Amino acid sequence: MTRKLWYLWFSIRNERGEVYVEYVVLAGLAMLVILGSIQYFYGGISDLFTRMGGTVRGLDE
């Protein structure tokens, strides 16, 4: 009986570690998606201002 309890205890502890790693990996992937979307959004805004600046410079010349 004691062996079964120890086996159960250690299997639960090992599963906690695996679940922890899975959550860390999922959080990392979520962060990559969030940062990628922010970069895409601000890249679009940057291109917009670059085109506007080029248009203004074209009118000045």
C-alpha atoms as a PDB file:
ATOM      1  CA  MET A   1       0.000   0.000   0.000  1.00  0.00           C
ATOM      2  CA  THR A   2       2.796   2.409   0.870  1.00  0.00           C
ATOM      3  CA  ARG A   3       4.546   1.761  -2.431  1.00  0.00           C
ATOM      4  CA  LYS A   4       1.373   2.529  -4.344  1.00  0.00           C
ATOM      5  CA  LEU A   5       0.926   5.801  -2.464  1.00  0.00           C
ATOM      6  CA  TRP A   6       4.537   6.819  -3.099  1.00  0.00           C
ATOM      7  CA  TYR A   7       4.170   5.904  -6.782  1.00  0.00           C
ATOM      8  CA  LEU A   8       0.975   7.972  -6.999  1.00  0.00           C
ATOM      9  CA  TRP A   9       2.635  10.909  -5.210  1.00  0.00           C
ATOM     10  CA  PHE A  10       5.666  10.912  -7.518  1.00  0.00           C
ATOM     11  CA  SER A  11       3.551  10.476 -10.646  1.00  0.00           C
ATOM     12  CA  ILE A  12       1.452  13.492  -9.643  1.00  0.00           C
ATOM     13  CA  ARG A  13       4.606  15.538  -9.016  1.00  0.00           C
ATOM     14  CA  ASN A  14       6.037  14.525 -12.402  1.00  0.00           C
ATOM     15  CA  GLU A  15       2.786  15.411 -14.145  1.00  0.00           C
ATOM     16  CA  ARG A  16       2.832  18.821 -12.492  1.00  0.00           C
ATOM     17  CA  GLY A  17       6.225  19.453 -14.012  1.00  0.00           C
ATOM     18  CA  GLU A  18       5.050  18.374 -17.456  1.00  0.00           C
ATOM     19  CA  VAL A  19       1.960  20.545 -17.224  1.00  0.00           C
ATOM     20  CA  TYR A  20       4.119  23.454 -16.082  1.00  0.00           C
ATOM     21  CA  VAL A  21       6.342  23.045 -19.140  1.00  0.00           C
ATOM     22  CA  GLU A  22       3.292  22.854 -21.399  1.00  0.00           C
ATOM     23  CA  TYR A  23       1.914  26.072 -19.929  1.00  0.00           C
ATOM     24  CA  VAL A  24       5.259  27.822 -20.354  1.00  0.00           C
ATOM     25  CA  VAL A  25       5.436  26.742 -23.994  1.00  0.00           C
ATOM     26  CA  LEU A  26       1.851  27.838 -24.639  1.00  0.00           C
ATOM     27  CA  ALA A  27       2.499  31.183 -22.968  1.00  0.00           C
ATOM     28  CA  GLY A  28       5.616  31.635 -25.108  1.00  0.00           C
ATOM     29  CA  LEU A  29       3.661  30.920 -28.283  1.00  0.00           C
ATOM     30  CA  ALA A  30       0.941  33.334 -27.218  1.00  0.00           C
ATOM     31  CA  MET A  31       3.549  36.027 -26.612  1.00  0.00           C
ATOM     32  CA  LEU A  32       5.039  35.435 -30.067  1.00  0.00           C
ATOM     33  CA  VAL A  33       1.617  35.815 -31.677  1.00  0.00           C
ATOM     34  CA  ILE A  34       0.883  38.981 -29.706  1.00  0.00           C
ATOM     35  CA  LEU A  35       4.267  40.546 -30.461  1.00  0.00           C
ATOM     36  CA  GLY A  36       4.002  39.562 -34.133  1.00  0.00           C
ATOM     37  CA  SER A  37       0.607  41.204 -34.459  1.00  0.00           C
ATOM     38  CA  ILE A  38       1.864  44.371 -32.756  1.00  0.00           C
ATOM     39  CA  GLN A  39       4.851  44.469 -35.103  1.00  0.00           C
ATOM     40  CA  TYR A  40       2.583  43.963 -38.116  1.00  0.00           C
ATOM     41  CA  PHE A  41       0.225  46.734 -36.951  1.00  0.00           C
ATOM     42  CA  TYR A  42       2.953  49.289 -36.275  1.00  0.00           C
ATOM     43  CA  GLY A  43       4.754  48.309 -39.468  1.00  0.00           C
ATOM     44  CA  GLY A  44       1.604  49.194 -41.396  1.00  0.00           C
ATOM     45  CA  ILE A  45       1.352  52.550 -39.651  1.00  0.00           C
ATOM     46  CA  SER A  46       5.034  53.199 -40.352  1.00  0.00           C
ATOM     47  CA  ASP A  47       4.537  52.460 -44.054  1.00  0.00           C
ATOM     48  CA  LEU A  48       1.560  54.819 -44.109  1.00  0.00           C
ATOM     49  CA  PHE A  49       3.622  57.701 -42.690  1.00  0.00           C
ATOM     50  CA  THR A  50       6.513  56.871 -45.007  1.00  0.00           C
ATOM     51  CA  ARG A  51       4.214  57.112 -48.033  1.00  0.00           C
ATOM     52  CA  MET A  52       2.701  60.338 -46.699  1.00  0.00           C
ATOM     53  CA  GLY A  53       6.173  61.816 -46.232  1.00  0.00           C
ATOM     54  CA  GLY A  54       7.181  60.760 -49.730  1.00  0.00           C
ATOM     55  CA  THR A  55       4.055  62.376 -51.144  1.00  0.00           C
ATOM     56  CA  VAL A  56       4.745  65.624 -49.306  1.00  0.00           C
ATOM     57  CA  ARG A  57       8.376  65.629 -50.466  1.00  0.00           C
ATOM     58  CA  GLY A  58       7.192  65.027 -54.010  1.00  0.00           C
ATOM     59  CA  LEU A  59       4.915  68.066 -53.805  1.00  0.00           C
ATOM     60  CA  ASP A  60       7.693  70.271 -52.414  1.00  0.00           C
ATOM     61  CA  GLU A  61      10.097  69.557 -55.290  1.00  0.00           C
END
